[in-house]
Amino acid sequence: MKLQLGQGQIVIEVEHDPDVPTTCPECGQAVPRHDTRTRRWRHLDTCQYRTIIEA
């Protein structure tokens, strides 16, 4: 988490451990990863700060 007071925002970074296999939520089997680019989106504000999620 980065608190950027000058910009009035909080950035929350979500990372995936590359050593842990991705599993299917329905069958539980390991599945290949795709589309691994980083994305940013705005979430609900935290007090007076904009909240940005980066994953």
Protein backbone atom coordinates (compact mmCIF):
# COMPACT_ATOMS: atom_id res chain seq x y z
CA MET A 1 0.00 0.00 0.00
CA LYS A 2 1.27 3.48 -0.90
CA LEU A 3 -0.13 6.57 0.79
CA GLN A 4 0.43 9.47 -1.61
CA LEU A 5 -0.59 12.53 0.41
CA GLY A 6 0.53 15.03 -2.24
CA GLN A 7 -1.70 13.38 -4.82
CA GLY A 8 -4.52 12.72 -2.36
CA GLN A 9 -4.68 9.00 -2.99
CA ILE A 10 -3.99 5.55 -1.62
CA VAL A 11 -2.64 2.92 -4.03
CA ILE A 12 -3.18 -0.73 -3.09
CA GLU A 13 -0.95 -3.17 -4.98
CA VAL A 14 -2.12 -6.77 -5.41
CA GLU A 15 0.48 -9.31 -6.53
CA HIS A 16 0.33 -12.98 -7.46
CA ASP A 17 3.09 -15.37 -6.38
CA PRO A 18 4.44 -16.84 -9.65
CA ASP A 19 5.45 -20.06 -7.84
CA VAL A 20 1.84 -20.83 -6.83
CA PRO A 21 -0.21 -22.40 -9.63
CA THR A 22 -3.47 -20.76 -10.69
CA THR A 23 -6.43 -23.05 -10.03
CA CYS A 24 -9.88 -23.25 -11.57
CA PRO A 25 -12.52 -22.08 -9.05
CA GLU A 26 -14.95 -24.76 -10.25
CA CYS A 27 -12.87 -27.95 -10.51
CA GLY A 28 -9.71 -27.00 -8.57
CA GLN A 29 -7.30 -28.12 -11.31
CA ALA A 30 -4.22 -26.10 -12.27
CA VAL A 31 -4.85 -23.89 -15.31
CA PRO A 32 -2.47 -21.78 -17.44
CA ARG A 33 -2.23 -18.02 -16.87
CA HIS A 34 -2.96 -15.46 -19.54
CA ASP A 35 -3.35 -11.69 -19.83
CA THR A 36 -0.86 -10.81 -17.11
CA ARG A 37 -0.61 -7.06 -17.74
CA THR A 38 -0.96 -4.68 -14.80
CA ARG A 39 -4.33 -2.93 -14.44
CA ARG A 40 -5.42 0.06 -12.36
CA TRP A 41 -8.93 1.01 -11.32
CA ARG A 42 -10.53 3.32 -8.83
CA HIS A 43 -12.27 1.86 -5.80
CA LEU A 44 -14.47 3.52 -3.18
CA ASP A 45 -12.74 6.45 -1.47
CA THR A 46 -11.03 5.99 1.89
CA CYS A 47 -11.97 9.04 3.97
CA GLN A 48 -10.78 12.02 1.92
CA TYR A 49 -8.39 9.96 -0.28
CA ARG A 50 -9.02 8.38 -3.69
CA THR A 51 -8.39 4.64 -3.55
CA ILE A 52 -6.66 3.05 -6.54
CA ILE A 53 -6.20 -0.73 -6.87
CA GLU A 54 -3.30 -1.98 -8.97
CA ALA A 55 -3.22 -5.68 -9.86
